[in-house]
PDB file of N, CA and C in Angstrom:
ATOM      1  N   MET A   1      -3.091  -6.063   6.399  1.00  0.00           N
ATOM      2  CA  MET A   1      -3.519  -7.349   5.938  1.00  0.00           C
ATOM      3  C   MET A   1      -3.071  -7.494   4.485  1.00  0.00           C
ATOM      4  N   SER A   2      -2.574  -8.660   4.154  1.00  0.00           N
ATOM      5  CA  SER A   2      -2.113  -8.869   2.785  1.00  0.00           C
ATOM      6  C   SER A   2      -3.299  -9.077   1.846  1.00  0.00           C
ATOM      7  N   ALA A   3      -3.014  -9.083   0.572  1.00  0.00           N
ATOM      8  CA  ALA A   3      -4.067  -9.254  -0.431  1.00  0.00           C
ATOM      9  C   ALA A   3      -4.772 -10.600  -0.292  1.00  0.00           C
ATOM     10  N   ASP A   4      -4.119 -11.584   0.328  1.00  0.00           N
ATOM     11  CA  ASP A   4      -4.773 -12.887   0.522  1.00  0.00           C
ATOM     12  C   ASP A   4      -5.500 -12.983   1.856  1.00  0.00           C
ATOM     13  N   GLY A   5      -5.525 -11.881   2.619  1.00  0.00           N
ATOM     14  CA  GLY A   5      -6.258 -11.843   3.880  1.00  0.00           C
ATOM     15  C   GLY A   5      -5.460 -12.178   5.120  1.00  0.00           C
ATOM     16  N   SER A   6      -4.179 -12.519   4.967  1.00  0.00           N
ATOM     17  CA  SER A   6      -3.378 -12.830   6.150  1.00  0.00           C
ATOM     18  C   SER A   6      -2.925 -11.540   6.843  1.00  0.00           C
ATOM     19  N   VAL A   7      -2.859 -11.611   8.164  1.00  0.00           N
ATOM     20  CA  VAL A   7      -2.481 -10.446   8.969  1.00  0.00           C
ATOM     21  C   VAL A   7      -0.967 -10.260   8.917  1.00  0.00           C
ATOM     22  N   ILE A   8      -0.538  -9.014   8.769  1.00  0.00           N
ATOM     23  CA  ILE A   8       0.878  -8.665   8.700  1.00  0.00           C
ATOM     24  C   ILE A   8       1.283  -8.042  10.030  1.00  0.00           C
ATOM     25  N   ASP A   9       2.339  -8.531  10.627  1.00  0.00           N
ATOM     26  CA  ASP A   9       2.862  -7.986  11.878  1.00  0.00           C
ATOM     27  C   ASP A   9       3.878  -6.899  11.534  1.00  0.00           C
ATOM     28  N   SER A  10       3.789  -5.763  12.201  1.00  0.00           N
ATOM     29  CA  SER A  10       4.700  -4.655  11.910  1.00  0.00           C
ATOM     30  C   SER A  10       6.165  -5.014  12.166  1.00  0.00           C
ATOM     31  N   ALA A  11       6.424  -6.053  12.928  1.00  0.00           N
ATOM     32  CA  ALA A  11       7.807  -6.480  13.190  1.00  0.00           C
ATOM     33  C   ALA A  11       8.510  -6.906  11.904  1.00  0.00           C
ATOM     34  N   CYS A  12       7.750  -7.292  10.884  1.00  0.00           N
ATOM     35  CA  CYS A  12       8.384  -7.719   9.628  1.00  0.00           C
ATOM     36  C   CYS A  12       9.054  -6.551   8.902  1.00  0.00           C
ATOM     37  N   PHE A  13       8.795  -5.328   9.346  1.00  0.00           N
ATOM     38  CA  PHE A  13       9.401  -4.155   8.711  1.00  0.00           C
ATOM     39  C   PHE A  13      10.688  -3.713   9.409  1.00  0.00           C
ATOM     40  N   ALA A  14      11.085  -4.409  10.444  1.00  0.00           N
ATOM     41  CA  ALA A  14      12.296  -4.032  11.186  1.00  0.00           C
ATOM     42  C   ALA A  14      13.553  -4.389  10.389  1.00  0.00           C
ATOM     43  N   GLY A  15      14.583  -3.596  10.555  1.00  0.00           N
ATOM     44  CA  GLY A  15      15.892  -3.938  10.015  1.00  0.00           C
ATOM     45  C   GLY A  15      16.254  -3.329   8.671  1.00  0.00           C
ATOM     46  N   ARG A  16      15.347  -2.619   8.036  1.00  0.00           N
ATOM     47  CA  ARG A  16      15.667  -1.965   6.776  1.00  0.00           C
ATOM     48  C   ARG A  16      14.699  -0.802   6.565  1.00  0.00           C
ATOM     49  N   PRO A  17      15.059   0.160   5.738  1.00  0.00           N
ATOM     50  CA  PRO A  17      14.125   1.267   5.471  1.00  0.00           C
ATOM     51  C   PRO A  17      12.997   0.806   4.545  1.00  0.00           C
ATOM     52  N   TRP A  18      11.828   1.372   4.769  1.00  0.00           N
ATOM     53  CA  TRP A  18      10.649   1.050   3.970  1.00  0.00           C
ATOM     54  C   TRP A  18       9.978   2.320   3.502  1.00  0.00           C
ATOM     55  N   LEU A  19       9.458   2.289   2.311  1.00  0.00           N
ATOM     56  CA  LEU A  19       8.621   3.355   1.800  1.00  0.00           C
ATOM     57  C   LEU A  19       7.193   2.823   1.844  1.00  0.00           C
ATOM     58  N   LEU A  20       6.355   3.462   2.658  1.00  0.00           N
ATOM     59  CA  LEU A  20       4.959   3.062   2.788  1.00  0.00           C
ATOM     60  C   LEU A  20       4.097   4.083   2.072  1.00  0.00           C
ATOM     61  N   LEU A  21       3.348   3.639   1.076  1.00  0.00           N
ATOM     62  CA  LEU A  21       2.437   4.524   0.356  1.00  0.00           C
ATOM     63  C   LEU A  21       1.017   4.175   0.771  1.00  0.00           C
ATOM     64  N   PHE A  22       0.381   5.078   1.503  1.00  0.00           N
ATOM     65  CA  PHE A  22      -1.030   4.930   1.837  1.00  0.00           C
ATOM     66  C   PHE A  22      -1.819   5.639   0.740  1.00  0.00           C
ATOM     67  N   HIS A  23      -2.765   4.928   0.138  1.00  0.00           N
ATOM     68  CA  HIS A  23      -3.580   5.534  -0.918  1.00  0.00           C
ATOM     69  C   HIS A  23      -5.041   5.211  -0.689  1.00  0.00           C
ATOM     70  N   ARG A  24      -5.907   5.924  -1.399  1.00  0.00           N
ATOM     71  CA  ARG A  24      -7.349   5.796  -1.188  1.00  0.00           C
ATOM     72  C   ARG A  24      -7.944   4.541  -1.802  1.00  0.00           C
ATOM     73  N   GLY A  25      -7.474   4.141  -2.946  1.00  0.00           N
ATOM     74  CA  GLY A  25      -8.018   2.936  -3.579  1.00  0.00           C
ATOM     75  C   GLY A  25      -7.887   2.950  -5.080  1.00  0.00           C
ATOM     76  N   ASN A  26      -8.283   1.833  -5.681  1.00  0.00           N
ATOM     77  CA  ASN A  26      -8.185   1.652  -7.129  1.00  0.00           C
ATOM     78  C   ASN A  26      -9.000   2.678  -7.902  1.00  0.00           C
ATOM     79  N   TRP A  27     -10.035   3.207  -7.308  1.00  0.00           N
ATOM     80  CA  TRP A  27     -10.933   4.154  -7.970  1.00  0.00           C
ATOM     81  C   TRP A  27     -10.294   5.530  -8.148  1.00  0.00           C
ATOM     82  N   CYS A  28      -9.214   5.816  -7.429  1.00  0.00           N
ATOM     83  CA  CYS A  28      -8.588   7.139  -7.450  1.00  0.00           C
ATOM     84  C   CYS A  28      -7.487   7.197  -8.510  1.00  0.00           C
ATOM     85  N   PRO A  29      -7.671   7.977  -9.583  1.00  0.00           N
ATOM     86  CA  PRO A  29      -6.652   8.024 -10.634  1.00  0.00           C
ATOM     87  C   PRO A  29      -5.318   8.589 -10.154  1.00  0.00           C
ATOM     88  N   PHE A  30      -5.354   9.486  -9.186  1.00  0.00           N
ATOM     89  CA  PHE A  30      -4.107  10.049  -8.664  1.00  0.00           C
ATOM     90  C   PHE A  30      -3.327   9.003  -7.863  1.00  0.00           C
ATOM     91  N   CYS A  31      -4.057   8.205  -7.103  1.00  0.00           N
ATOM     92  CA  CYS A  31      -3.422   7.147  -6.318  1.00  0.00           C
ATOM     93  C   CYS A  31      -2.798   6.090  -7.223  1.00  0.00           C
ATOM     94  N   VAL A  32      -3.534   5.688  -8.236  1.00  0.00           N
ATOM     95  CA  VAL A  32      -3.017   4.682  -9.172  1.00  0.00           C
ATOM     96  C   VAL A  32      -1.800   5.233  -9.907  1.00  0.00           C
ATOM     97  N   ALA A  33      -1.803   6.523 -10.220  1.00  0.00           N
ATOM     98  CA  ALA A  33      -0.640   7.148 -10.864  1.00  0.00           C
ATOM     99  C   ALA A  33       0.572   7.088  -9.940  1.00  0.00           C
ATOM    100  N   GLN A  34       0.359   7.294  -8.638  1.00  0.00           N
ATOM    101  CA  GLN A  34       1.479   7.196  -7.691  1.00  0.00           C
ATOM    102  C   GLN A  34       2.023   5.775  -7.630  1.00  0.00           C
ATOM    103  N   VAL A  35       1.137   4.795  -7.617  1.00  0.00           N
ATOM    104  CA  VAL A  35       1.578   3.402  -7.602  1.00  0.00           C
ATOM    105  C   VAL A  35       2.364   3.104  -8.878  1.00  0.00           C
ATOM    106  N   ARG A  36       1.885   3.614 -10.012  1.00  0.00           N
ATOM    107  CA  ARG A  36       2.584   3.419 -11.288  1.00  0.00           C
ATOM    108  C   ARG A  36       3.998   4.014 -11.222  1.00  0.00           C
ATOM    109  N   GLU A  37       4.123   5.202 -10.628  1.00  0.00           N
ATOM    110  CA  GLU A  37       5.443   5.835 -10.497  1.00  0.00           C
ATOM    111  C   GLU A  37       6.368   5.001  -9.621  1.00  0.00           C
ATOM    112  N   LEU A  38       5.845   4.454  -8.522  1.00  0.00           N
ATOM    113  CA  LEU A  38       6.669   3.592  -7.674  1.00  0.00           C
ATOM    114  C   LEU A  38       7.092   2.333  -8.415  1.00  0.00           C
ATOM    115  N   ALA A  39       6.169   1.759  -9.184  1.00  0.00           N
ATOM    116  CA  ALA A  39       6.507   0.559  -9.946  1.00  0.00           C
ATOM    117  C   ALA A  39       7.639   0.851 -10.930  1.00  0.00           C
ATOM    118  N   ALA A  40       7.631   2.045 -11.508  1.00  0.00           N
ATOM    119  CA  ALA A  40       8.656   2.416 -12.487  1.00  0.00           C
ATOM    120  C   ALA A  40      10.042   2.543 -11.853  1.00  0.00           C
ATOM    121  N   ILE A  41      10.100   2.918 -10.574  1.00  0.00           N
ATOM    122  CA  ILE A  41      11.407   3.080  -9.917  1.00  0.00           C
ATOM    123  C   ILE A  41      11.673   1.983  -8.890  1.00  0.00           C
ATOM    124  N   TYR A  42      10.874   0.942  -8.949  1.00  0.00           N
ATOM    125  CA  TYR A  42      10.999  -0.162  -8.000  1.00  0.00           C
ATOM    126  C   TYR A  42      12.427  -0.696  -7.911  1.00  0.00           C
ATOM    127  N   ARG A  43      13.013  -1.001  -9.042  1.00  0.00           N
ATOM    128  CA  ARG A  43      14.361  -1.603  -9.068  1.00  0.00           C
ATOM    129  C   ARG A  43      15.388  -0.681  -8.406  1.00  0.00           C
ATOM    130  N   ALA A  44      15.353   0.602  -8.701  1.00  0.00           N
ATOM    131  CA  ALA A  44      16.305   1.550  -8.109  1.00  0.00           C
ATOM    132  C   ALA A  44      16.141   1.602  -6.596  1.00  0.00           C
ATOM    133  N   LEU A  45      14.899   1.598  -6.133  1.00  0.00           N
ATOM    134  CA  LEU A  45      14.663   1.652  -4.681  1.00  0.00           C
ATOM    135  C   LEU A  45      15.130   0.373  -3.993  1.00  0.00           C
ATOM    136  N   THR A  46      14.794  -0.771  -4.565  1.00  0.00           N
ATOM    137  CA  THR A  46      15.214  -2.027  -3.933  1.00  0.00           C
ATOM    138  C   THR A  46      16.725  -2.212  -4.015  1.00  0.00           C
ATOM    139  N   ASP A  47      17.343  -1.749  -5.103  1.00  0.00           N
ATOM    140  CA  ASP A  47      18.803  -1.807  -5.190  1.00  0.00           C
ATOM    141  C   ASP A  47      19.452  -0.962  -4.101  1.00  0.00           C
ATOM    142  N   ALA A  48      18.762   0.088  -3.662  1.00  0.00           N
ATOM    143  CA  ALA A  48      19.254   0.944  -2.577  1.00  0.00           C
ATOM    144  C   ALA A  48      18.882   0.383  -1.201  1.00  0.00           C
ATOM    145  N   GLY A  49      18.230  -0.780  -1.179  1.00  0.00           N
ATOM    146  CA  GLY A  49      17.885  -1.424   0.084  1.00  0.00           C
ATOM    147  C   GLY A  49      16.568  -0.974   0.688  1.00  0.00           C
ATOM    148  N   ILE A  50      15.730  -0.319  -0.100  1.00  0.00           N
ATOM    149  CA  ILE A  50      14.456   0.197   0.394  1.00  0.00           C
ATOM    150  C   ILE A  50      13.332  -0.743  -0.023  1.00  0.00           C
ATOM    151  N   GLY A  51      12.524  -1.156   0.946  1.00  0.00           N
ATOM    152  CA  GLY A  51      11.355  -1.973   0.664  1.00  0.00           C
ATOM    153  C   GLY A  51      10.162  -1.092   0.353  1.00  0.00           C
ATOM    154  N   LEU A  52       9.241  -1.584  -0.455  1.00  0.00           N
ATOM    155  CA  LEU A  52       8.051  -0.816  -0.835  1.00  0.00           C
ATOM    156  C   LEU A  52       6.786  -1.542  -0.405  1.00  0.00           C
ATOM    157  N   VAL A  53       5.878  -0.769   0.178  1.00  0.00           N
ATOM    158  CA  VAL A  53       4.583  -1.301   0.594  1.00  0.00           C
ATOM    159  C   VAL A  53       3.507  -0.308   0.169  1.00  0.00           C
ATOM    160  N   VAL A  54       2.482  -0.806  -0.487  1.00  0.00           N
ATOM    161  CA  VAL A  54       1.347   0.000  -0.915  1.00  0.00           C
ATOM    162  C   VAL A  54       0.156  -0.424  -0.052  1.00  0.00           C
ATOM    163  N   ILE A  55      -0.470   0.541   0.631  1.00  0.00           N
ATOM    164  CA  ILE A  55      -1.517   0.244   1.607  1.00  0.00           C
ATOM    165  C   ILE A  55      -2.763   1.069   1.306  1.00  0.00           C
ATOM    166  N   SER A  56      -3.924   0.423   1.355  1.00  0.00           N
ATOM    167  CA  SER A  56      -5.178   1.150   1.160  1.00  0.00           C
ATOM    168  C   SER A  56      -6.249   0.578   2.079  1.00  0.00           C
ATOM    169  N   PRO A  57      -7.315   1.362   2.304  1.00  0.00           N
ATOM    170  CA  PRO A  57      -8.404   0.881   3.149  1.00  0.00           C
ATOM    171  C   PRO A  57      -9.382  -0.032   2.409  1.00  0.00           C
ATOM    172  N   GLN A  58      -9.121  -0.312   1.153  1.00  0.00           N
ATOM    173  CA  GLN A  58     -10.054  -1.120   0.373  1.00  0.00           C
ATOM    174  C   GLN A  58      -9.932  -2.608   0.718  1.00  0.00           C
ATOM    175  N   SER A  59     -10.835  -3.403   0.193  1.00  0.00           N
ATOM    176  CA  SER A  59     -10.879  -4.841   0.480  1.00  0.00           C
ATOM    177  C   SER A  59      -9.655  -5.564  -0.071  1.00  0.00           C
ATOM    178  N   GLU A  60      -9.460  -6.771   0.429  1.00  0.00           N
ATOM    179  CA  GLU A  60      -8.358  -7.601  -0.069  1.00  0.00           C
ATOM    180  C   GLU A  60      -8.536  -7.901  -1.556  1.00  0.00           C
ATOM    181  N   THR A  61      -9.775  -8.077  -1.994  1.00  0.00           N
ATOM    182  CA  THR A  61     -10.047  -8.366  -3.407  1.00  0.00           C
ATOM    183  C   THR A  61      -9.592  -7.222  -4.298  1.00  0.00           C
ATOM    184  N   ARG A  62      -9.933  -5.998  -3.905  1.00  0.00           N
ATOM    185  CA  ARG A  62      -9.524  -4.828  -4.700  1.00  0.00           C
ATOM    186  C   ARG A  62      -8.012  -4.609  -4.601  1.00  0.00           C
ATOM    187  N   THR A  63      -7.451  -4.892  -3.437  1.00  0.00           N
ATOM    188  CA  THR A  63      -6.005  -4.766  -3.265  1.00  0.00           C
ATOM    189  C   THR A  63      -5.283  -5.747  -4.180  1.00  0.00           C
ATOM    190  N   ALA A  64      -5.766  -6.983  -4.241  1.00  0.00           N
ATOM    191  CA  ALA A  64      -5.164  -7.991  -5.119  1.00  0.00           C
ATOM    192  C   ALA A  64      -5.299  -7.588  -6.584  1.00  0.00           C
ATOM    193  N   ALA A  65      -6.426  -6.977  -6.949  1.00  0.00           N
ATOM    194  CA  ALA A  65      -6.621  -6.531  -8.329  1.00  0.00           C
ATOM    195  C   ALA A  65      -5.601  -5.460  -8.703  1.00  0.00           C
ATOM    196  N   LEU A  66      -5.324  -4.548  -7.785  1.00  0.00           N
ATOM    197  CA  LEU A  66      -4.329  -3.510  -8.058  1.00  0.00           C
ATOM    198  C   LEU A  66      -2.939  -4.130  -8.183  1.00  0.00           C
ATOM    199  N   ALA A  67      -2.624  -5.071  -7.322  1.00  0.00           N
ATOM    200  CA  ALA A  67      -1.312  -5.736  -7.380  1.00  0.00           C
ATOM    201  C   ALA A  67      -1.111  -6.423  -8.726  1.00  0.00           C
ATOM    202  N   ARG A  68      -2.169  -7.022  -9.267  1.00  0.00           N
ATOM    203  CA  ARG A  68      -2.057  -7.700 -10.562  1.00  0.00           C
ATOM    204  C   ARG A  68      -1.809  -6.725 -11.704  1.00  0.00           C
ATOM    205  N   ARG A  69      -2.225  -5.473 -11.546  1.00  0.00           N
ATOM    206  CA  ARG A  69      -2.028  -4.478 -12.618  1.00  0.00           C
ATOM    207  C   ARG A  69      -0.563  -4.126 -12.818  1.00  0.00           C
ATOM    208  N   PHE A  70       0.237  -4.307 -11.773  1.00  0.00           N
ATOM    209  CA  PHE A  70       1.650  -3.919 -11.831  1.00  0.00           C
ATOM    210  C   PHE A  70       2.502  -5.156 -11.635  1.00  0.00           C
ATOM    211  N   ASP A  71       3.377  -5.420 -12.572  1.00  0.00           N
ATOM    212  CA  ASP A  71       4.221  -6.612 -12.535  1.00  0.00           C
ATOM    213  C   ASP A  71       5.494  -6.324 -11.747  1.00  0.00           C
ATOM    214  N   VAL A  72       5.294  -5.939 -10.486  1.00  0.00           N
ATOM    215  CA  VAL A  72       6.405  -5.584  -9.606  1.00  0.00           C
ATOM    216  C   VAL A  72       6.132  -6.233  -8.248  1.00  0.00           C
ATOM    217  N   PRO A  73       7.108  -6.888  -7.654  1.00  0.00           N
ATOM    218  CA  PRO A  73       6.860  -7.592  -6.391  1.00  0.00           C
ATOM    219  C   PRO A  73       6.815  -6.697  -5.146  1.00  0.00           C
ATOM    220  N   MET A  74       6.123  -5.554  -5.242  1.00  0.00           N
ATOM    221  CA  MET A  74       5.906  -4.724  -4.060  1.00  0.00           C
ATOM    222  C   MET A  74       4.866  -5.420  -3.196  1.00  0.00           C
ATOM    223  N   SER A  75       4.829  -5.086  -1.926  1.00  0.00           N
ATOM    224  CA  SER A  75       3.792  -5.608  -1.045  1.00  0.00           C
ATOM    225  C   SER A  75       2.570  -4.707  -1.143  1.00  0.00           C
ATOM    226  N   PHE A  76       1.431  -5.296  -1.434  1.00  0.00           N
ATOM    227  CA  PHE A  76       0.164  -4.571  -1.483  1.00  0.00           C
ATOM    228  C   PHE A  76      -0.656  -5.036  -0.290  1.00  0.00           C
ATOM    229  N   LEU A  77      -0.973  -4.108   0.605  1.00  0.00           N
ATOM    230  CA  LEU A  77      -1.678  -4.454   1.832  1.00  0.00           C
ATOM    231  C   LEU A  77      -3.003  -3.714   1.941  1.00  0.00           C
ATOM    232  N   SER A  78      -3.932  -4.326   2.648  1.00  0.00           N
ATOM    233  CA  SER A  78      -5.237  -3.741   2.906  1.00  0.00           C
ATOM    234  C   SER A  78      -5.294  -3.305   4.364  1.00  0.00           C
ATOM    235  N   ASP A  79      -5.828  -2.121   4.592  1.00  0.00           N
ATOM    236  CA  ASP A  79      -5.957  -1.559   5.943  1.00  0.00           C
ATOM    237  C   ASP A  79      -7.433  -1.240   6.200  1.00  0.00           C
ATOM    238  N   PRO A  80      -8.258  -2.310   6.342  1.00  0.00           N
ATOM    239  CA  PRO A  80      -9.693  -2.066   6.505  1.00  0.00           C
ATOM    240  C   PRO A  80      -9.977  -1.230   7.752  1.00  0.00           C
ATOM    241  N   GLY A  81     -10.794  -0.223   7.570  1.00  0.00           N
ATOM    242  CA  GLY A  81     -11.118   0.651   8.684  1.00  0.00           C
ATOM    243  C   GLY A  81     -10.029   1.656   9.004  1.00  0.00           C
ATOM    244  N   GLY A  82      -8.935   1.634   8.256  1.00  0.00           N
ATOM    245  CA  GLY A  82      -7.858   2.594   8.470  1.00  0.00           C
ATOM    246  C   GLY A  82      -7.131   2.461   9.791  1.00  0.00           C
ATOM    247  N   ARG A  83      -7.058   1.257  10.340  1.00  0.00           N
ATOM    248  CA  ARG A  83      -6.422   1.061  11.650  1.00  0.00           C
ATOM    249  C   ARG A  83      -4.933   1.406  11.640  1.00  0.00           C
ATOM    250  N   ALA A  84      -4.213   0.964  10.601  1.00  0.00           N
ATOM    251  CA  ALA A  84      -2.778   1.269  10.537  1.00  0.00           C
ATOM    252  C   ALA A  84      -2.563   2.767  10.327  1.00  0.00           C
ATOM    253  N   ALA A  85      -3.343   3.350   9.434  1.00  0.00           N
ATOM    254  CA  ALA A  85      -3.229   4.797   9.202  1.00  0.00           C
ATOM    255  C   ALA A  85      -3.548   5.563  10.479  1.00  0.00           C
ATOM    256  N   GLY A  86      -4.549   5.116  11.225  1.00  0.00           N
ATOM    257  CA  GLY A  86      -4.896   5.761  12.490  1.00  0.00           C
ATOM    258  C   GLY A  86      -3.788   5.645  13.516  1.00  0.00           C
ATOM    259  N   ALA A  87      -3.171   4.460  13.595  1.00  0.00           N
ATOM    260  CA  ALA A  87      -2.075   4.261  14.555  1.00  0.00           C
ATOM    261  C   ALA A  87      -0.892   5.173  14.240  1.00  0.00           C
ATOM    262  N   LEU A  88      -0.721   5.494  12.961  1.00  0.00           N
ATOM    263  CA  LEU A  88       0.362   6.387  12.551  1.00  0.00           C
ATOM    264  C   LEU A  88      -0.043   7.860  12.597  1.00  0.00           C
ATOM    265  N   GLY A  89      -1.320   8.116  12.870  1.00  0.00           N
ATOM    266  CA  GLY A  89      -1.804   9.490  12.945  1.00  0.00           C
ATOM    267  C   GLY A  89      -1.960  10.162  11.593  1.00  0.00           C
ATOM    268  N   ILE A  90      -2.156   9.355  10.541  1.00  0.00           N
ATOM    269  CA  ILE A  90      -2.284   9.932   9.198  1.00  0.00           C
ATOM    270  C   ILE A  90      -3.659   9.663   8.589  1.00  0.00           C
ATOM    271  N   ASP A  91      -4.593   9.172   9.396  1.00  0.00           N
ATOM    272  CA  ASP A  91      -5.925   8.904   8.864  1.00  0.00           C
ATOM    273  C   ASP A  91      -6.737  10.193   8.782  1.00  0.00           C
ATOM    274  N   ALA A  92      -7.750  10.162   7.971  1.00  0.00           N
ATOM    275  CA  ALA A  92      -8.651  11.309   7.805  1.00  0.00           C
ATOM    276  C   ALA A  92     -10.070  10.767   7.767  1.00  0.00           C
ATOM    277  N   PRO A  93     -10.626  10.417   8.935  1.00  0.00           N
ATOM    278  CA  PRO A  93     -11.973   9.825   8.958  1.00  0.00           C
ATOM    279  C   PRO A  93     -12.993  10.697   8.231  1.00  0.00           C
ATOM    280  N   GLY A  94     -13.765  10.065   7.366  1.00  0.00           N
ATOM    281  CA  GLY A  94     -14.784  10.795   6.619  1.00  0.00           C
ATOM    282  C   GLY A  94     -14.266  11.531   5.400  1.00  0.00           C
ATOM    283  N   TRP A  95     -12.977  11.548   5.214  1.00  0.00           N
ATOM    284  CA  TRP A  95     -12.407  12.200   4.042  1.00  0.00           C
ATOM    285  C   TRP A  95     -11.222  11.391   3.558  1.00  0.00           C
ATOM    286  N   PRO A  96     -11.021  11.190   2.364  1.00  0.00           N
ATOM    287  CA  PRO A  96     -11.889  11.569   1.260  1.00  0.00           C
ATOM    288  C   PRO A  96     -13.068  10.615   1.185  1.00  0.00           C
ATOM    289  N   PRO A  97     -14.090  10.984   0.454  1.00  0.00           N
ATOM    290  CA  PRO A  97     -15.225  10.081   0.318  1.00  0.00           C
ATOM    291  C   PRO A  97     -14.791   8.809  -0.412  1.00  0.00           C
ATOM    292  N   ALA A  98     -15.346   7.700  -0.003  1.00  0.00           N
ATOM    293  CA  ALA A  98     -15.017   6.425  -0.651  1.00  0.00           C
ATOM    294  C   ALA A  98     -15.590   6.442  -2.060  1.00  0.00           C
ATOM    295  N   GLY A  99     -14.742   6.162  -3.052  1.00  0.00           N
ATOM    296  CA  GLY A  99     -15.148   6.201  -4.457  1.00  0.00           C
ATOM    297  C   GLY A  99     -16.235   5.249  -4.713  1.00  0.00           C
TER     298      GLY A  99
END
């Protein structure tokens, strides 16, 4: 789900390579540091044809707040309940604790 609450269809990722960063949320300093690192190399990745998506289980409001912190047009998505992470087999129910 996008930061504005609209549902994203996985078909929109077809046709080019994507880097998907699943993170815990704005409260996690390590996660925010990873997003900062991606923002710093955004231009190099997009010049190489790679799309960037940052995904977390937090609300759309918190997702939008994180997107505003970085002046980079990456896609920031919300995965409430970890459904996308679960479909990919990378979820960890009950861990880590929600900040």
